């Protein structure tokens, strides 16, 4: 299972990562970025690449 970390101090909940996540692991819930079913993560790191604030890490 992927360990997806979101630095909430850097994240402005823009939703760019949720738009590109092919597995729909990252979602906006009540206006906040949330990790949904991390076991579904394909480790593509598209969310990491697109994040303008560099607040997402995947291990």
N, C-alpha and C. Protein backbone atom coordinates (compact mmCIF):
# COMPACT_ATOMS: atom_id res chain seq x y z
N UNK A 1 0.85 -1.19 0.00
CA UNK A 1 0.00 0.00 0.00
C UNK A 1 0.88 1.24 0.00
N UNK A 2 0.50 2.20 -0.77
CA UNK A 2 1.24 3.46 -0.87
C UNK A 2 1.09 4.28 0.40
N UNK A 3 2.18 4.91 0.79
CA UNK A 3 2.14 5.86 1.90
C UNK A 3 2.13 7.25 1.27
N UNK A 4 0.96 7.83 1.18
CA UNK A 4 0.78 9.13 0.54
C UNK A 4 0.71 10.19 1.64
N UNK A 5 1.63 11.15 1.55
CA UNK A 5 1.69 12.21 2.55
C UNK A 5 1.38 13.54 1.90
N UNK A 6 0.51 14.29 2.54
CA UNK A 6 0.15 15.63 2.07
C UNK A 6 0.60 16.63 3.13
N UNK A 7 1.47 17.55 2.74
CA UNK A 7 1.90 18.60 3.66
C UNK A 7 0.81 19.66 3.69
N UNK A 8 0.00 19.61 4.72
CA UNK A 8 -1.16 20.50 4.80
C UNK A 8 -0.76 21.96 4.98
N UNK A 9 0.48 22.21 5.38
CA UNK A 9 0.95 23.59 5.50
C UNK A 9 1.20 24.21 4.13
N UNK A 10 1.51 23.37 3.14
CA UNK A 10 1.77 23.85 1.78
C UNK A 10 0.54 23.74 0.87
N UNK A 11 -0.33 22.78 1.13
CA UNK A 11 -1.46 22.49 0.26
C UNK A 11 -2.52 23.59 0.36
N UNK A 12 -2.94 24.08 -0.83
CA UNK A 12 -4.02 25.08 -0.84
C UNK A 12 -5.33 24.49 -1.38
N UNK A 13 -5.39 23.15 -1.45
CA UNK A 13 -6.60 22.44 -1.87
C UNK A 13 -7.09 22.90 -3.24
N UNK A 14 -6.16 23.10 -4.17
CA UNK A 14 -6.52 23.59 -5.51
C UNK A 14 -7.23 22.51 -6.34
N UNK A 15 -6.93 21.23 -6.06
CA UNK A 15 -7.59 20.15 -6.77
C UNK A 15 -6.91 19.69 -8.04
N UNK A 16 -5.77 20.29 -8.37
CA UNK A 16 -5.05 19.88 -9.59
C UNK A 16 -4.72 18.39 -9.54
N UNK A 17 -4.28 17.91 -8.39
CA UNK A 17 -3.89 16.50 -8.26
C UNK A 17 -5.10 15.57 -8.38
N UNK A 18 -6.24 16.01 -7.89
CA UNK A 18 -7.43 15.17 -7.98
C UNK A 18 -7.90 15.02 -9.42
N UNK A 19 -7.66 16.04 -10.22
CA UNK A 19 -8.06 16.00 -11.63
C UNK A 19 -7.25 15.00 -12.44
N UNK A 20 -5.99 14.76 -12.05
CA UNK A 20 -5.11 13.89 -12.83
C UNK A 20 -4.92 12.50 -12.25
N UNK A 21 -5.38 12.25 -11.06
CA UNK A 21 -5.18 10.94 -10.42
C UNK A 21 -6.02 9.88 -11.14
N UNK A 22 -5.37 8.94 -11.86
CA UNK A 22 -6.13 7.96 -12.64
C UNK A 22 -6.88 6.95 -11.77
N UNK A 23 -6.45 6.79 -10.54
CA UNK A 23 -7.08 5.81 -9.65
C UNK A 23 -8.07 6.46 -8.69
N UNK A 24 -8.22 7.77 -8.76
CA UNK A 24 -9.12 8.53 -7.88
C UNK A 24 -8.80 8.31 -6.41
N UNK A 25 -7.50 8.26 -6.13
CA UNK A 25 -7.05 8.09 -4.74
C UNK A 25 -7.10 9.43 -4.01
N UNK A 26 -6.77 10.49 -4.70
CA UNK A 26 -6.83 11.82 -4.11
C UNK A 26 -8.15 12.46 -4.49
N UNK A 27 -8.88 12.91 -3.48
CA UNK A 27 -10.19 13.53 -3.71
C UNK A 27 -10.32 14.78 -2.85
N UNK A 28 -11.18 15.67 -3.28
CA UNK A 28 -11.54 16.81 -2.44
C UNK A 28 -12.81 16.44 -1.69
N UNK A 29 -12.72 16.47 -0.38
CA UNK A 29 -13.87 16.15 0.46
C UNK A 29 -14.10 17.35 1.38
N UNK A 30 -15.26 17.94 1.26
CA UNK A 30 -15.58 19.15 2.02
C UNK A 30 -14.54 20.24 1.80
N UNK A 31 -14.02 20.33 0.56
CA UNK A 31 -13.06 21.36 0.22
C UNK A 31 -11.63 21.10 0.64
N UNK A 32 -11.36 19.92 1.20
CA UNK A 32 -10.02 19.57 1.66
C UNK A 32 -9.51 18.36 0.91
N UNK A 33 -8.22 18.39 0.55
CA UNK A 33 -7.60 17.26 -0.12
C UNK A 33 -7.53 16.08 0.84
N UNK A 34 -8.01 14.93 0.37
CA UNK A 34 -8.11 13.73 1.19
C UNK A 34 -7.60 12.53 0.42
N UNK A 35 -6.94 11.62 1.14
CA UNK A 35 -6.49 10.37 0.53
C UNK A 35 -7.61 9.35 0.70
N UNK A 36 -8.06 8.81 -0.43
CA UNK A 36 -9.16 7.85 -0.45
C UNK A 36 -8.64 6.51 -0.98
N UNK A 37 -8.71 5.47 -0.21
CA UNK A 37 -8.27 4.13 -0.60
C UNK A 37 -6.83 4.12 -1.13
N UNK A 38 -5.85 4.39 -0.28
CA UNK A 38 -4.45 4.44 -0.71
C UNK A 38 -3.94 3.14 -1.31
N UNK A 39 -4.59 2.02 -0.99
CA UNK A 39 -4.18 0.73 -1.56
C UNK A 39 -4.42 0.67 -3.07
N UNK A 40 -5.22 1.59 -3.60
CA UNK A 40 -5.50 1.64 -5.03
C UNK A 40 -4.46 2.45 -5.80
N UNK A 41 -3.56 3.13 -5.10
CA UNK A 41 -2.54 3.97 -5.74
C UNK A 41 -1.65 3.13 -6.65
N UNK A 42 -1.42 3.62 -7.86
CA UNK A 42 -0.59 2.91 -8.83
C UNK A 42 0.86 3.42 -8.83
N UNK A 43 1.19 4.32 -7.92
CA UNK A 43 2.54 4.89 -7.80
C UNK A 43 2.98 5.62 -9.08
N UNK A 44 2.05 6.15 -9.85
CA UNK A 44 2.42 6.85 -11.09
C UNK A 44 3.06 8.21 -10.81
N UNK A 45 2.78 8.77 -9.65
CA UNK A 45 3.33 10.05 -9.18
C UNK A 45 2.92 11.24 -10.05
N UNK A 46 1.85 11.10 -10.81
CA UNK A 46 1.34 12.21 -11.59
C UNK A 46 0.92 13.36 -10.68
N UNK A 47 0.34 13.02 -9.55
CA UNK A 47 -0.08 14.05 -8.59
C UNK A 47 1.11 14.82 -8.06
N UNK A 48 2.21 14.12 -7.82
CA UNK A 48 3.43 14.76 -7.32
C UNK A 48 3.96 15.74 -8.36
N UNK A 49 3.97 15.30 -9.62
CA UNK A 49 4.49 16.13 -10.70
C UNK A 49 3.66 17.39 -10.96
N UNK A 50 2.34 17.29 -10.80
CA UNK A 50 1.48 18.42 -11.15
C UNK A 50 1.27 19.40 -9.99
N UNK A 51 1.55 18.99 -8.79
CA UNK A 51 1.28 19.84 -7.62
C UNK A 51 2.13 21.12 -7.67
N UNK A 52 1.49 22.29 -7.74
CA UNK A 52 2.24 23.55 -7.82
C UNK A 52 2.96 23.90 -6.52
N UNK A 53 2.55 23.29 -5.42
CA UNK A 53 3.13 23.61 -4.10
C UNK A 53 4.07 22.53 -3.58
N UNK A 54 4.26 21.47 -4.39
CA UNK A 54 5.15 20.36 -4.02
C UNK A 54 4.83 19.83 -2.61
N UNK A 55 3.56 19.55 -2.38
CA UNK A 55 3.15 19.12 -1.04
C UNK A 55 2.80 17.65 -0.93
N UNK A 56 2.92 16.88 -2.05
CA UNK A 56 2.55 15.48 -2.03
C UNK A 56 3.79 14.61 -2.19
N UNK A 57 3.91 13.60 -1.32
CA UNK A 57 4.97 12.61 -1.47
C UNK A 57 4.33 11.23 -1.41
N UNK A 58 4.93 10.30 -2.18
CA UNK A 58 4.45 8.92 -2.20
C UNK A 58 5.63 8.00 -1.94
N UNK A 59 5.47 7.10 -0.99
CA UNK A 59 6.51 6.12 -0.68
C UNK A 59 5.93 4.74 -0.74
